[in-house]
Amino acid sequence: MELSIGEKIKNLREDANLNQTQLGKILNMTQRKLSYIECNKCEPNVDDIKAICNYFKISADYLLGIRKGYDYP
């Protein structure tokens, strides 16, 4: 079963040894919003997706489940 967007973001964050507060500051979002995204209580908006992809050097296709790999263009 494919991971949700929130699960992918959480895995990326944990792999980078960041807590939600730290990543939230990097992405210019609150810890609460990041928590809601990771728990799939809300979806990230386009600007959030761009910031996440740029920071982690992943493609939006991977994050959105369009492609399996997370190659950065």
PDB file of N, CA and C in Angstrom:
ATOM      1  N   MET A   1       0.836  -1.185   0.000  1.00  0.00           N
ATOM      2  CA  MET A   1       0.000   0.000   0.000  1.00  0.00           C
ATOM      3  C   MET A   1       0.880   1.247   0.000  1.00  0.00           C
ATOM      4  N   GLU A   2       0.508   2.210  -0.803  1.00  0.00           N
ATOM      5  CA  GLU A   2       1.296   3.431  -0.931  1.00  0.00           C
ATOM      6  C   GLU A   2       1.103   4.339   0.280  1.00  0.00           C
ATOM      7  N   LEU A   3       2.166   4.997   0.660  1.00  0.00           N
ATOM      8  CA  LEU A   3       2.117   5.931   1.778  1.00  0.00           C
ATOM      9  C   LEU A   3       1.332   7.177   1.390  1.00  0.00           C
ATOM     10  N   SER A   4       0.676   7.777   2.368  1.00  0.00           N
ATOM     11  CA  SER A   4      -0.019   9.040   2.140  1.00  0.00           C
ATOM     12  C   SER A   4       1.002  10.173   2.066  1.00  0.00           C
ATOM     13  N   ILE A   5       0.554  11.334   1.625  1.00  0.00           N
ATOM     14  CA  ILE A   5       1.432  12.505   1.586  1.00  0.00           C
ATOM     15  C   ILE A   5       1.973  12.786   2.983  1.00  0.00           C
ATOM     16  N   GLY A   6       1.095  12.740   3.967  1.00  0.00           N
ATOM     17  CA  GLY A   6       1.512  13.008   5.341  1.00  0.00           C
ATOM     18  C   GLY A   6       2.560  12.032   5.841  1.00  0.00           C
ATOM     19  N   GLU A   7       2.372  10.759   5.521  1.00  0.00           N
ATOM     20  CA  GLU A   7       3.352   9.746   5.942  1.00  0.00           C
ATOM     21  C   GLU A   7       4.697   9.958   5.256  1.00  0.00           C
ATOM     22  N   LYS A   8       4.658  10.342   3.987  1.00  0.00           N
ATOM     23  CA  LYS A   8       5.908  10.608   3.268  1.00  0.00           C
ATOM     24  C   LYS A   8       6.649  11.783   3.894  1.00  0.00           C
ATOM     25  N   ILE A   9       5.917  12.842   4.208  1.00  0.00           N
ATOM     26  CA  ILE A   9       6.542  14.017   4.817  1.00  0.00           C
ATOM     27  C   ILE A   9       7.116  13.665   6.184  1.00  0.00           C
ATOM     28  N   LYS A  10       6.368  12.914   6.962  1.00  0.00           N
ATOM     29  CA  LYS A  10       6.860  12.509   8.281  1.00  0.00           C
ATOM     30  C   LYS A  10       8.135  11.681   8.154  1.00  0.00           C
ATOM     31  N   ASN A  11       8.156  10.737   7.223  1.00  0.00           N
ATOM     32  CA  ASN A  11       9.352   9.911   7.015  1.00  0.00           C
ATOM     33  C   ASN A  11      10.547  10.761   6.595  1.00  0.00           C
ATOM     34  N   LEU A  12      10.321  11.701   5.683  1.00  0.00           N
ATOM     35  CA  LEU A  12      11.402  12.588   5.250  1.00  0.00           C
ATOM     36  C   LEU A  12      11.928  13.411   6.422  1.00  0.00           C
ATOM     37  N   ARG A  13      11.016  13.936   7.216  1.00  0.00           N
ATOM     38  CA  ARG A  13      11.398  14.748   8.376  1.00  0.00           C
ATOM     39  C   ARG A  13      12.208  13.929   9.361  1.00  0.00           C
ATOM     40  N   GLU A  14      11.731  12.739   9.676  1.00  0.00           N
ATOM     41  CA  GLU A  14      12.436  11.884  10.636  1.00  0.00           C
ATOM     42  C   GLU A  14      13.795  11.445  10.093  1.00  0.00           C
ATOM     43  N   ASP A  15      13.876  11.150   8.803  1.00  0.00           N
ATOM     44  CA  ASP A  15      15.158  10.776   8.194  1.00  0.00           C
ATOM     45  C   ASP A  15      16.169  11.921   8.277  1.00  0.00           C
ATOM     46  N   ALA A  16      15.666  13.159   8.279  1.00  0.00           N
ATOM     47  CA  ALA A  16      16.533  14.337   8.374  1.00  0.00           C
ATOM     48  C   ALA A  16      16.808  14.721   9.832  1.00  0.00           C
ATOM     49  N   ASN A  17      16.306  13.915  10.766  1.00  0.00           N
ATOM     50  CA  ASN A  17      16.484  14.176  12.204  1.00  0.00           C
ATOM     51  C   ASN A  17      15.969  15.549  12.620  1.00  0.00           C
ATOM     52  N   LEU A  18      14.795  15.903  12.109  1.00  0.00           N
ATOM     53  CA  LEU A  18      14.156  17.164  12.460  1.00  0.00           C
ATOM     54  C   LEU A  18      12.878  16.881  13.227  1.00  0.00           C
ATOM     55  N   ASN A  19      12.542  17.754  14.174  1.00  0.00           N
ATOM     56  CA  ASN A  19      11.232  17.647  14.805  1.00  0.00           C
ATOM     57  C   ASN A  19      10.266  18.553  14.037  1.00  0.00           C
ATOM     58  N   GLN A  20       8.995  18.487  14.383  1.00  0.00           N
ATOM     59  CA  GLN A  20       7.995  19.251  13.644  1.00  0.00           C
ATOM     60  C   GLN A  20       8.221  20.754  13.761  1.00  0.00           C
ATOM     61  N   THR A  21       8.633  21.216  14.920  1.00  0.00           N
ATOM     62  CA  THR A  21       8.883  22.645  15.106  1.00  0.00           C
ATOM     63  C   THR A  21      10.019  23.115  14.205  1.00  0.00           C
ATOM     64  N   GLN A  22      11.094  22.343  14.151  1.00  0.00           N
ATOM     65  CA  GLN A  22      12.239  22.714  13.316  1.00  0.00           C
ATOM     66  C   GLN A  22      11.858  22.760  11.841  1.00  0.00           C
ATOM     67  N   LEU A  23      11.190  21.716  11.363  1.00  0.00           N
ATOM     68  CA  LEU A  23      10.806  21.692   9.955  1.00  0.00           C
ATOM     69  C   LEU A  23       9.777  22.779   9.656  1.00  0.00           C
ATOM     70  N   GLY A  24       8.868  23.002  10.579  1.00  0.00           N
ATOM     71  CA  GLY A  24       7.888  24.070  10.392  1.00  0.00           C
ATOM     72  C   GLY A  24       8.554  25.417  10.173  1.00  0.00           C
ATOM     73  N   LYS A  25       9.573  25.715  10.959  1.00  0.00           N
ATOM     74  CA  LYS A  25      10.298  26.983  10.792  1.00  0.00           C
ATOM     75  C   LYS A  25      10.985  27.044   9.434  1.00  0.00           C
ATOM     76  N   ILE A  26      11.585  25.944   9.027  1.00  0.00           N
ATOM     77  CA  ILE A  26      12.257  25.892   7.725  1.00  0.00           C
ATOM     78  C   ILE A  26      11.257  26.133   6.595  1.00  0.00           C
ATOM     79  N   LEU A  27      10.068  25.540   6.727  1.00  0.00           N
ATOM     80  CA  LEU A  27       9.050  25.620   5.675  1.00  0.00           C
ATOM     81  C   LEU A  27       8.120  26.811   5.838  1.00  0.00           C
ATOM     82  N   ASN A  28       8.325  27.594   6.900  1.00  0.00           N
ATOM     83  CA  ASN A  28       7.482  28.756   7.188  1.00  0.00           C
ATOM     84  C   ASN A  28       6.021  28.355   7.426  1.00  0.00           C
ATOM     85  N   MET A  29       5.835  27.331   8.257  1.00  0.00           N
ATOM     86  CA  MET A  29       4.494  26.920   8.671  1.00  0.00           C
ATOM     87  C   MET A  29       4.534  26.579  10.154  1.00  0.00           C
ATOM     88  N   THR A  30       3.388  26.571  10.777  1.00  0.00           N
ATOM     89  CA  THR A  30       3.348  26.273  12.201  1.00  0.00           C
ATOM     90  C   THR A  30       3.537  24.779  12.448  1.00  0.00           C
ATOM     91  N   GLN A  31       3.955  24.463  13.647  1.00  0.00           N
ATOM     92  CA  GLN A  31       4.092  23.059  14.049  1.00  0.00           C
ATOM     93  C   GLN A  31       2.735  22.380  13.975  1.00  0.00           C
ATOM     94  N   ARG A  32       1.686  23.089  14.352  1.00  0.00           N
ATOM     95  CA  ARG A  32       0.334  22.520  14.329  1.00  0.00           C
ATOM     96  C   ARG A  32      -0.078  22.135  12.908  1.00  0.00           C
ATOM     97  N   LYS A  33       0.165  23.033  11.960  1.00  0.00           N
ATOM     98  CA  LYS A  33      -0.201  22.722  10.572  1.00  0.00           C
ATOM     99  C   LYS A  33       0.579  21.516  10.070  1.00  0.00           C
ATOM    100  N   LEU A  34       1.876  21.474  10.361  1.00  0.00           N
ATOM    101  CA  LEU A  34       2.686  20.334   9.936  1.00  0.00           C
ATOM    102  C   LEU A  34       2.172  19.049  10.568  1.00  0.00           C
ATOM    103  N   SER A  35       1.802  19.116  11.830  1.00  0.00           N
ATOM    104  CA  SER A  35       1.248  17.951  12.515  1.00  0.00           C
ATOM    105  C   SER A  35      -0.036  17.482  11.828  1.00  0.00           C
ATOM    106  N   TYR A  36      -0.913  18.421  11.486  1.00  0.00           N
ATOM    107  CA  TYR A  36      -2.161  18.067  10.806  1.00  0.00           C
ATOM    108  C   TYR A  36      -1.889  17.429   9.445  1.00  0.00           C
ATOM    109  N   ILE A  37      -0.901  17.950   8.732  1.00  0.00           N
ATOM    110  CA  ILE A  37      -0.555  17.376   7.429  1.00  0.00           C
ATOM    111  C   ILE A  37      -0.023  15.958   7.611  1.00  0.00           C
ATOM    112  N   GLU A  38       0.893  15.779   8.565  1.00  0.00           N
ATOM    113  CA  GLU A  38       1.480  14.455   8.786  1.00  0.00           C
ATOM    114  C   GLU A  38       0.442  13.438   9.245  1.00  0.00           C
ATOM    115  N   CYS A  39      -0.576  13.889   9.966  1.00  0.00           N
ATOM    116  CA  CYS A  39      -1.637  12.989  10.446  1.00  0.00           C
ATOM    117  C   CYS A  39      -2.786  12.878   9.447  1.00  0.00           C
ATOM    118  N   ASN A  40      -2.613  13.496   8.278  1.00  0.00           N
ATOM    119  CA  ASN A  40      -3.631  13.467   7.219  1.00  0.00           C
ATOM    120  C   ASN A  40      -4.948  14.102   7.635  1.00  0.00           C
ATOM    121  N   LYS A  41      -4.876  15.093   8.536  1.00  0.00           N
ATOM    122  CA  LYS A  41      -6.071  15.845   8.919  1.00  0.00           C
ATOM    123  C   LYS A  41      -6.311  17.004   7.964  1.00  0.00           C
ATOM    124  N   CYS A  42      -5.267  17.408   7.232  1.00  0.00           N
ATOM    125  CA  CYS A  42      -5.408  18.418   6.184  1.00  0.00           C
ATOM    126  C   CYS A  42      -4.361  18.153   5.114  1.00  0.00           C
ATOM    127  N   GLU A  43      -4.595  18.713   3.950  1.00  0.00           N
ATOM    128  CA  GLU A  43      -3.679  18.549   2.819  1.00  0.00           C
ATOM    129  C   GLU A  43      -2.775  19.777   2.726  1.00  0.00           C
ATOM    130  N   PRO A  44      -1.534  19.588   2.321  1.00  0.00           N
ATOM    131  CA  PRO A  44      -0.670  20.749   2.104  1.00  0.00           C
ATOM    132  C   PRO A  44      -1.142  21.519   0.871  1.00  0.00           C
ATOM    133  N   ASN A  45      -1.003  22.848   0.915  1.00  0.00           N
ATOM    134  CA  ASN A  45      -1.359  23.634  -0.265  1.00  0.00           C
ATOM    135  C   ASN A  45      -0.188  23.630  -1.248  1.00  0.00           C
ATOM    136  N   VAL A  46      -0.380  24.267  -2.382  1.00  0.00           N
ATOM    137  CA  VAL A  46       0.638  24.249  -3.436  1.00  0.00           C
ATOM    138  C   VAL A  46       1.954  24.838  -2.940  1.00  0.00           C
ATOM    139  N   ASP A  47       1.892  25.941  -2.210  1.00  0.00           N
ATOM    140  CA  ASP A  47       3.123  26.550  -1.700  1.00  0.00           C
ATOM    141  C   ASP A  47       3.833  25.630  -0.713  1.00  0.00           C
ATOM    142  N   ASP A  48       3.062  24.925   0.113  1.00  0.00           N
ATOM    143  CA  ASP A  48       3.654  23.965   1.051  1.00  0.00           C
ATOM    144  C   ASP A  48       4.358  22.845   0.289  1.00  0.00           C
ATOM    145  N   ILE A  49       3.705  22.327  -0.737  1.00  0.00           N
ATOM    146  CA  ILE A  49       4.286  21.241  -1.533  1.00  0.00           C
ATOM    147  C   ILE A  49       5.587  21.702  -2.185  1.00  0.00           C
ATOM    148  N   LYS A  50       5.582  22.908  -2.737  1.00  0.00           N
ATOM    149  CA  LYS A  50       6.802  23.441  -3.353  1.00  0.00           C
ATOM    150  C   LYS A  50       7.922  23.561  -2.328  1.00  0.00           C
ATOM    151  N   ALA A  51       7.611  24.084  -1.150  1.00  0.00           N
ATOM    152  CA  ALA A  51       8.633  24.258  -0.111  1.00  0.00           C
ATOM    153  C   ALA A  51       9.187  22.911   0.345  1.00  0.00           C
ATOM    154  N   ILE A  52       8.308  21.936   0.537  1.00  0.00           N
ATOM    155  CA  ILE A  52       8.730  20.595   0.970  1.00  0.00           C
ATOM    156  C   ILE A  52       9.628  19.961  -0.089  1.00  0.00           C
ATOM    157  N   CYS A  53       9.197  20.030  -1.342  1.00  0.00           N
ATOM    158  CA  CYS A  53       9.982  19.432  -2.426  1.00  0.00           C
ATOM    159  C   CYS A  53      11.335  20.110  -2.574  1.00  0.00           C
ATOM    160  N   ASN A  54      11.362  21.423  -2.476  1.00  0.00           N
ATOM    161  CA  ASN A  54      12.633  22.144  -2.592  1.00  0.00           C
ATOM    162  C   ASN A  54      13.564  21.808  -1.440  1.00  0.00           C
ATOM    163  N   TYR A  55      13.048  21.762  -0.228  1.00  0.00           N
ATOM    164  CA  TYR A  55      13.910  21.493   0.927  1.00  0.00           C
ATOM    165  C   TYR A  55      14.487  20.078   0.877  1.00  0.00           C
ATOM    166  N   PHE A  56      13.631  19.105   0.607  1.00  0.00           N
ATOM    167  CA  PHE A  56      14.075  17.709   0.619  1.00  0.00           C
ATOM    168  C   PHE A  56      14.617  17.235  -0.732  1.00  0.00           C
ATOM    169  N   LYS A  57      14.585  18.103  -1.734  1.00  0.00           N
ATOM    170  CA  LYS A  57      15.080  17.758  -3.076  1.00  0.00           C
ATOM    171  C   LYS A  57      14.364  16.528  -3.639  1.00  0.00           C
ATOM    172  N   ILE A  58      13.030  16.576  -3.556  1.00  0.00           N
ATOM    173  CA  ILE A  58      12.196  15.502  -4.096  1.00  0.00           C
ATOM    174  C   ILE A  58      11.257  16.091  -5.137  1.00  0.00           C
ATOM    175  N   SER A  59      10.702  15.243  -5.970  1.00  0.00           N
ATOM    176  CA  SER A  59       9.751  15.723  -6.975  1.00  0.00           C
ATOM    177  C   SER A  59       8.347  15.756  -6.382  1.00  0.00           C
ATOM    178  N   ALA A  60       7.551  16.680  -6.890  1.00  0.00           N
ATOM    179  CA  ALA A  60       6.149  16.742  -6.482  1.00  0.00           C
ATOM    180  C   ALA A  60       5.419  15.473  -6.917  1.00  0.00           C
ATOM    181  N   ASP A  61       5.837  14.890  -8.036  1.00  0.00           N
ATOM    182  CA  ASP A  61       5.225  13.641  -8.502  1.00  0.00           C
ATOM    183  C   ASP A  61       5.349  12.548  -7.445  1.00  0.00           C
ATOM    184  N   TYR A  62       6.517  12.447  -6.828  1.00  0.00           N
ATOM    185  CA  TYR A  62       6.696  11.455  -5.762  1.00  0.00           C
ATOM    186  C   TYR A  62       5.786  11.782  -4.579  1.00  0.00           C
ATOM    187  N   LEU A  63       5.817  13.024  -4.136  1.00  0.00           N
ATOM    188  CA  LEU A  63       5.044  13.408  -2.956  1.00  0.00           C
ATOM    189  C   LEU A  63       3.550  13.173  -3.173  1.00  0.00           C
ATOM    190  N   LEU A  64       3.078  13.452  -4.376  1.00  0.00           N
ATOM    191  CA  LEU A  64       1.656  13.314  -4.682  1.00  0.00           C
ATOM    192  C   LEU A  64       1.259  11.907  -5.111  1.00  0.00           C
ATOM    193  N   GLY A  65       2.227  11.002  -5.196  1.00  0.00           N
ATOM    194  CA  GLY A  65       1.918   9.618  -5.538  1.00  0.00           C
ATOM    195  C   GLY A  65       1.802   9.344  -7.017  1.00  0.00           C
ATOM    196  N   ILE A  66       2.305  10.263  -7.842  1.00  0.00           N
ATOM    197  CA  ILE A  66       2.236  10.070  -9.285  1.00  0.00           C
ATOM    198  C   ILE A  66       3.345   9.138  -9.758  1.00  0.00           C
ATOM    199  N   ARG A  67       4.511   9.218  -9.093  1.00  0.00           N
ATOM    200  CA  ARG A  67       5.640   8.346  -9.398  1.00  0.00           C
ATOM    201  C   ARG A  67       6.163   7.738  -8.112  1.00  0.00           C
ATOM    202  N   LYS A  68       6.765   6.570  -8.229  1.00  0.00           N
ATOM    203  CA  LYS A  68       7.288   5.866  -7.056  1.00  0.00           C
ATOM    204  C   LYS A  68       8.579   6.485  -6.530  1.00  0.00           C
ATOM    205  N   GLY A  69       9.526   6.773  -7.413  1.00  0.00           N
ATOM    206  CA  GLY A  69      10.808   7.330  -6.983  1.00  0.00           C
ATOM    207  C   GLY A  69      10.671   8.796  -6.628  1.00  0.00           C
ATOM    208  N   TYR A  70      11.638   9.317  -5.887  1.00  0.00           N
ATOM    209  CA  TYR A  70      11.542  10.727  -5.520  1.00  0.00           C
ATOM    210  C   TYR A  70      12.660  11.562  -6.111  1.00  0.00           C
ATOM    211  N   ASP A  71      12.990  11.250  -7.359  1.00  0.00           N
ATOM    212  CA  ASP A  71      14.024  12.008  -8.059  1.00  0.00           C
ATOM    213  C   ASP A  71      13.624  13.471  -8.168  1.00  0.00           C
ATOM    214  N   TYR A  72      14.601  14.312  -7.969  1.00  0.00           N
ATOM    215  CA  TYR A  72      14.400  15.751  -8.081  1.00  0.00           C
ATOM    216  C   TYR A  72      14.814  16.176  -9.477  1.00  0.00           C
ATOM    217  N   PRO A  73      13.940  16.876 -10.185  1.00  0.00           N
ATOM    218  CA  PRO A  73      14.277  17.253 -11.569  1.00  0.00           C
ATOM    219  C   PRO A  73      15.448  18.208 -11.639  1.00  0.00           C
TER     220      PRO A  73
END
